[in-house]
Amino acid sequence: MMSKNFKSGFVSIIGRPNVGKSTLLNQVVGQKVAIMSDKPQTTRNKIHGVYTTENSQIVFLDTPGIHKPQSKLGDYMMKVAESTFREVDAILFLVDVVEGIGGGDRYIIDQLHEVKTPVILVLNKIDQVHPETLLPVIEKYSKLYDFAEIIPISARNGNNVNTLLEQTMKYLWEGPQYYPADQITDHPEQFVCAELIREKILHLTREEIPHSIAVAIEDMKVEPNGIVHISAIIFVERDSQKGIIIGKKGDLLKEIGKRARHDIESLLGSKTFLELWVKVQKDWRNHERVLRELGFRND
């Protein structure tokens, strides 16, 4: 039963690529809803994660890492990230304390000066540095922006994440429970399954492949025996990339399928038959029609 003074709201997680935004979202909701990779620009859409307690509900938006776009897909990703500044009750600005302040962080801070939303500076990866190194980092950031809060965490280990959640709730208003208490994302299962397949490709490939792929679920149905049958297409931009994804005697594609099926079965709680196809769609990142079909829409 919802409490009388229930608070709810929307919180955006922003930061330059590869600072741990998806790791934090997954840590908060307790399950993988956003894919993780050591490669920049892994997140392409606003991923909504839902955190619910007896007294509150936070809907988190894990945005694409903010960077200088180099394609229509890049333009889309930046519009998505920057539009959330004005849509939310609070912003979590995640930074990497290991790498220190960089040009990407300064660029984001310049954007933040244009908004009135409370911004919480989240110093991530504190498990990788000595505590004494944090104070100079905090001082540098404090000179650049008047943050509502400054909270050090380790998204990977969960250190201080509860404190971050408690402090974030201070910026929510009394409001409705938008999602059922047991719901952790508003994305359909097909979207998460496609993202899990893409994650495995990111883990298993190198060089130009990561940014040249997209995954679409063609068909997803439950067979009479309870097995979920999923058919997915992996889009690449060139024939040479198709050969890399398939691998020698189809070995790499089999490994992608094996790893993805493991995560998908955990997500769905059902045995899964996963069928993967690879299709060349030349320069798909700059074709608006293809981007729309793959779910990248400005609206």
Protein backbone atom coordinates (compact mmCIF):
# COMPACT_ATOMS: atom_id res chain seq x y z
CA MET A 1 0.00 0.00 0.00
CA MET A 2 1.31 3.44 -0.96
CA SER A 3 2.15 5.72 1.98
CA LYS A 4 0.27 8.99 2.51
CA ASN A 5 3.21 11.30 1.74
CA PHE A 6 4.57 9.28 -1.18
CA LYS A 7 7.27 11.09 -3.18
CA SER A 8 8.12 10.39 -6.80
CA GLY A 9 10.04 11.92 -9.66
CA PHE A 10 12.43 11.59 -12.56
CA VAL A 11 16.22 11.69 -12.24
CA SER A 12 18.69 11.81 -15.12
CA ILE A 13 22.10 10.15 -14.95
CA ILE A 14 24.50 12.11 -17.15
CA GLY A 15 28.23 12.17 -17.79
CA ARG A 16 30.77 11.73 -20.51
CA PRO A 17 31.08 8.26 -22.08
CA ASN A 18 32.38 5.37 -19.99
CA VAL A 19 32.13 6.87 -16.49
CA GLY A 20 29.80 4.14 -15.16
CA LYS A 21 26.26 5.42 -15.77
CA SER A 22 24.86 2.05 -16.84
CA THR A 23 26.71 0.30 -14.00
CA LEU A 24 25.06 2.66 -11.50
CA LEU A 25 21.58 2.13 -12.97
CA ASN A 26 21.95 -1.65 -12.82
CA GLN A 27 23.26 -1.44 -9.25
CA VAL A 28 20.25 0.66 -8.17
CA VAL A 29 17.55 -1.55 -9.69
CA GLY A 30 19.35 -4.81 -8.82
CA GLN A 31 19.22 -6.25 -12.33
CA LYS A 32 20.77 -5.61 -15.72
CA VAL A 33 18.57 -3.19 -17.65
CA ALA A 34 21.39 -1.19 -19.25
CA ILE A 35 24.28 -2.86 -21.02
CA MET A 36 27.86 -2.37 -19.88
CA SER A 37 31.07 -2.24 -21.87
CA ASP A 38 34.49 -0.64 -21.62
CA LYS A 39 33.82 0.95 -25.01
CA PRO A 40 32.49 4.54 -25.11
CA GLN A 41 28.98 5.38 -26.33
CA THR A 42 27.58 1.99 -25.36
CA THR A 43 24.20 3.46 -24.33
CA ARG A 44 22.24 4.82 -27.30
CA ASN A 45 18.74 5.36 -25.90
CA LYS A 46 17.35 6.79 -22.68
CA ILE A 47 17.12 3.69 -20.49
CA HIS A 48 14.45 4.03 -17.82
CA GLY A 49 15.18 2.20 -14.55
CA VAL A 50 12.67 2.24 -11.70
CA TYR A 51 13.61 2.23 -8.00
CA THR A 52 10.71 1.88 -5.55
CA THR A 53 10.52 1.95 -1.74
CA GLU A 54 7.52 2.14 0.62
CA ASN A 55 7.68 5.93 0.57
CA SER A 56 9.04 6.86 -2.83
CA GLN A 57 9.70 5.98 -6.45
CA ILE A 58 12.57 7.28 -8.58
CA VAL A 59 12.46 6.82 -12.34
CA PHE A 60 16.07 6.98 -13.56
CA LEU A 61 17.06 7.95 -17.09
CA ASP A 62 20.46 6.56 -18.10
CA THR A 63 21.41 8.77 -21.03
CA PRO A 64 23.97 8.32 -23.80
CA GLY A 65 27.40 9.66 -22.84
CA ILE A 66 27.69 13.29 -23.91
CA HIS A 67 30.23 13.71 -26.72
CA LYS A 68 30.75 15.56 -30.00
CA PRO A 69 28.52 13.79 -32.57
CA GLN A 70 30.01 12.47 -35.82
CA SER A 71 26.92 10.94 -37.46
CA LYS A 72 23.13 11.25 -37.48
CA LEU A 73 23.07 8.56 -34.81
CA GLY A 74 25.49 10.69 -32.79
CA ASP A 75 23.23 13.74 -33.25
CA TYR A 76 20.28 11.70 -32.03
CA MET A 77 22.20 10.51 -28.97
CA MET A 78 23.19 14.05 -28.00
CA LYS A 79 19.63 15.39 -28.41
CA VAL A 80 18.42 12.56 -26.16
CA ALA A 81 21.03 13.28 -23.49
CA GLU A 82 20.65 17.06 -23.45
CA SER A 83 16.83 17.05 -23.62
CA THR A 84 16.66 15.22 -20.29
CA PHE A 85 18.21 18.23 -18.51
CA ARG A 86 14.83 19.98 -18.65
CA GLU A 87 12.58 16.96 -18.08
CA VAL A 88 13.69 15.83 -14.64
CA ASP A 89 13.52 16.74 -10.95
CA ALA A 90 17.23 16.19 -10.35
CA ILE A 91 20.38 15.40 -12.33
CA LEU A 92 23.13 13.00 -11.25
CA PHE A 93 26.35 14.15 -12.92
CA LEU A 94 28.67 11.14 -12.84
CA VAL A 95 32.42 11.68 -13.08
CA ASP A 96 35.40 9.31 -13.01
CA VAL A 97 37.71 10.15 -10.08
CA VAL A 98 40.46 7.95 -11.52
CA GLU A 99 40.73 9.96 -14.74
CA GLY A 100 40.06 13.32 -13.10
CA ILE A 101 38.36 16.34 -14.66
CA GLY A 102 38.59 16.50 -18.46
CA GLY A 103 37.34 18.48 -21.44
CA GLY A 104 34.20 16.33 -21.64
CA ASP A 105 33.31 17.14 -18.04
CA ARG A 106 33.83 20.86 -18.64
CA TYR A 107 31.62 20.69 -21.74
CA ILE A 108 28.80 19.12 -19.71
CA ILE A 109 29.17 21.71 -16.94
CA ASP A 110 28.81 24.45 -19.56
CA GLN A 111 25.49 22.84 -20.62
CA LEU A 112 24.36 22.62 -16.98
CA HIS A 113 24.71 26.38 -16.50
CA GLU A 114 21.69 26.70 -18.81
CA VAL A 115 19.33 24.68 -16.56
CA LYS A 116 17.77 25.29 -13.15
CA THR A 117 17.42 21.62 -12.15
CA PRO A 118 19.36 20.60 -8.98
CA VAL A 119 22.59 18.81 -9.94
CA ILE A 120 24.23 16.21 -7.69
CA LEU A 121 27.90 15.57 -8.43
CA VAL A 122 28.57 11.83 -8.15
CA LEU A 123 32.25 10.91 -7.83
CA ASN A 124 32.41 7.37 -9.17
CA LYS A 125 35.09 4.65 -8.88
CA ILE A 126 36.25 5.62 -5.36
CA ASP A 127 37.23 1.96 -4.86
CA GLN A 128 40.13 2.60 -7.26
CA VAL A 129 41.72 5.63 -5.53
CA HIS A 130 43.07 6.58 -2.10
CA PRO A 131 40.51 8.57 -0.03
CA GLU A 132 42.98 11.48 0.38
CA THR A 133 42.88 12.13 -3.38
CA LEU A 134 39.14 12.93 -3.31
CA LEU A 135 39.32 16.35 -1.63
CA PRO A 136 41.36 18.05 -4.40
CA VAL A 137 38.95 16.58 -7.00
CA ILE A 138 35.94 17.93 -5.07
CA GLU A 139 37.58 21.38 -4.85
CA LYS A 140 38.21 21.49 -8.61
CA TYR A 141 34.60 20.65 -9.47
CA SER A 142 33.18 22.99 -6.82
CA LYS A 143 34.95 25.94 -8.45
CA LEU A 144 33.22 25.19 -11.75
CA TYR A 145 29.61 24.71 -10.58
CA ASP A 146 27.43 25.13 -7.49
CA PHE A 147 26.37 21.50 -6.98
CA ALA A 148 23.37 20.70 -4.76
CA GLU A 149 25.26 17.72 -3.28
CA ILE A 150 28.62 16.01 -3.80
CA ILE A 151 28.58 12.26 -3.14
CA PRO A 152 31.44 9.77 -3.67
CA ILE A 153 30.43 6.23 -4.67
CA SER A 154 31.53 3.00 -6.30
CA ALA A 155 28.79 2.02 -8.74
CA ARG A 156 30.46 -1.32 -9.37
CA ASN A 157 30.71 -2.35 -5.70
CA GLY A 158 27.66 -0.46 -4.45
CA ASN A 159 29.67 1.61 -1.95
CA ASN A 160 27.64 4.60 -0.72
CA VAL A 161 24.91 4.06 -3.34
CA ASN A 162 22.24 3.94 -0.60
CA THR A 163 23.41 7.35 0.62
CA LEU A 164 23.14 8.67 -2.95
CA LEU A 165 19.56 7.38 -3.19
CA GLU A 166 18.60 8.94 0.17
CA GLN A 167 20.04 12.31 -0.85
CA THR A 168 18.38 12.15 -4.26
CA MET A 169 14.97 11.62 -2.66
CA LYS A 170 15.26 15.06 -1.02
CA TYR A 171 14.68 16.60 -4.44
CA LEU A 172 11.49 14.69 -5.24
CA TRP A 173 7.98 16.09 -4.75
CA GLU A 174 4.88 14.37 -3.41
CA GLY A 175 3.42 12.48 -6.33
CA PRO A 176 2.00 9.25 -7.72
CA GLN A 177 3.63 5.84 -8.03
CA TYR A 178 4.17 5.73 -11.79
CA TYR A 179 5.06 2.03 -12.03
CA PRO A 180 4.16 -1.12 -10.04
CA ALA A 181 6.55 -1.75 -7.14
CA ASP A 182 8.07 -4.84 -8.79
CA GLN A 183 8.72 -3.17 -12.18
CA ILE A 184 12.36 -2.13 -12.72
CA THR A 185 12.24 -0.75 -16.28
CA ASP A 186 9.66 0.61 -18.70
CA HIS A 187 11.41 -0.83 -21.74
CA PRO A 188 9.74 -3.81 -23.41
CA GLU A 189 11.51 -7.16 -23.07
CA GLN A 190 12.37 -7.11 -26.78
CA PHE A 191 14.43 -3.94 -26.30
CA VAL A 192 16.38 -5.37 -23.36
CA CYS A 193 16.99 -8.65 -25.23
CA ALA A 194 18.35 -6.74 -28.25
CA GLU A 195 20.60 -4.73 -25.95
CA LEU A 196 21.93 -7.89 -24.26
CA ILE A 197 22.88 -9.31 -27.67
CA ARG A 198 24.61 -6.03 -28.55
CA GLU A 199 26.51 -6.12 -25.27
CA LYS A 200 28.00 -9.53 -26.10
CA ILE A 201 29.14 -8.25 -29.50
CA LEU A 202 30.81 -5.28 -27.80
CA HIS A 203 32.62 -7.65 -25.45
CA LEU A 204 33.79 -10.03 -28.18
CA THR A 205 34.82 -7.65 -30.98
CA ARG A 206 37.43 -4.94 -31.46
CA GLU A 207 38.27 -1.86 -33.53
CA GLU A 208 35.53 -0.57 -35.86
CA ILE A 209 32.86 -3.15 -35.06
CA PRO A 210 31.26 -1.78 -31.83
CA HIS A 211 29.80 1.43 -33.30
CA SER A 212 28.88 -0.22 -36.60
CA ILE A 213 26.33 -2.65 -35.19
CA ALA A 214 22.69 -2.50 -34.26
CA VAL A 215 20.39 -5.31 -33.14
CA ALA A 216 16.68 -5.69 -33.91
CA ILE A 217 14.35 -8.41 -32.59
CA GLU A 218 12.41 -9.71 -35.59
CA ASP A 219 10.21 -12.16 -33.72
CA MET A 220 9.68 -13.21 -30.10
CA LYS A 221 7.10 -15.81 -29.11
CA VAL A 222 6.48 -18.45 -26.46
CA GLU A 223 6.22 -21.99 -27.84
CA PRO A 224 3.60 -24.45 -26.42
CA ASN A 225 6.41 -26.15 -24.45
CA GLY A 226 7.22 -22.86 -22.67
CA ILE A 227 10.46 -22.18 -24.55
CA VAL A 228 10.81 -18.56 -25.74
CA HIS A 229 11.81 -18.43 -29.42
CA ILE A 230 13.68 -15.25 -30.38
CA SER A 231 14.83 -14.33 -33.87
CA ALA A 232 17.19 -11.33 -34.04
CA ILE A 233 19.05 -9.49 -36.80
CA ILE A 234 22.50 -7.98 -36.25
CA PHE A 235 22.99 -5.05 -38.63
CA VAL A 236 26.50 -4.13 -39.79
CA GLU A 237 27.69 -1.52 -42.29
CA ARG A 238 30.09 -3.53 -44.46
CA ASP A 239 30.53 -7.07 -45.81
CA SER A 240 33.89 -7.35 -44.05
CA GLN A 241 32.16 -6.64 -40.71
CA LYS A 242 29.61 -9.36 -41.44
CA GLY A 243 32.48 -11.83 -41.81
CA ILE A 244 34.01 -10.70 -38.51
CA ILE A 245 30.72 -11.07 -36.60
CA ILE A 246 30.08 -14.55 -38.03
CA GLY A 247 33.68 -15.64 -37.43
CA LYS A 248 35.56 -18.69 -38.69
CA LYS A 249 33.03 -21.49 -39.30
CA GLY A 250 30.44 -19.34 -37.49
CA ASP A 251 32.29 -19.65 -34.17
CA LEU A 252 31.98 -16.02 -33.06
CA LEU A 253 28.26 -15.79 -33.84
CA LYS A 254 27.72 -19.00 -31.85
CA GLU A 255 29.61 -17.54 -28.87
CA ILE A 256 27.60 -14.30 -29.06
CA GLY A 257 24.40 -16.36 -29.08
CA LYS A 258 25.53 -18.57 -26.19
CA ARG A 259 26.43 -15.62 -23.93
CA ALA A 260 23.36 -13.59 -24.86
CA ARG A 261 21.03 -16.56 -24.31
CA HIS A 262 22.39 -16.98 -20.77
CA ASP A 263 21.52 -13.36 -19.85
CA ILE A 264 18.18 -13.44 -21.69
CA GLU A 265 17.12 -16.59 -19.82
CA SER A 266 17.96 -14.83 -16.53
CA LEU A 267 15.90 -11.82 -17.63
CA LEU A 268 12.87 -13.81 -18.81
CA GLY A 269 13.07 -16.70 -16.34
CA SER A 270 12.46 -19.11 -19.23
CA LYS A 271 14.43 -21.44 -21.48
CA THR A 272 15.24 -19.58 -24.68
CA PHE A 273 15.99 -20.57 -28.27
CA LEU A 274 17.94 -17.70 -29.83
CA GLU A 275 18.37 -17.41 -33.58
CA LEU A 276 20.82 -14.78 -34.88
CA TRP A 277 21.18 -13.44 -38.41
CA VAL A 278 23.72 -10.90 -39.72
CA LYS A 279 22.64 -8.37 -42.35
CA VAL A 280 24.63 -5.63 -44.14
CA GLN A 281 22.89 -2.22 -44.12
CA LYS A 282 25.45 0.18 -45.57
CA ASP A 283 26.08 3.35 -43.51
CA TRP A 284 22.96 2.73 -41.40
CA ARG A 285 24.04 5.29 -38.77
CA ASN A 286 23.39 8.11 -41.27
CA HIS A 287 20.07 6.83 -42.70
CA GLU A 288 17.10 8.36 -40.89
CA ARG A 289 14.66 5.69 -42.13
CA VAL A 290 16.85 2.86 -40.81
CA LEU A 291 17.44 4.71 -37.52
CA ARG A 292 13.66 5.07 -37.07
CA GLU A 293 13.14 1.36 -37.79
CA LEU A 294 15.75 0.51 -35.17
CA GLY A 295 13.96 2.64 -32.57
CA PHE A 296 16.07 5.80 -32.65
CA ARG A 297 13.42 8.52 -32.72
CA ASN A 298 13.77 12.15 -31.68
CA ASP A 299 10.32 12.08 -30.10
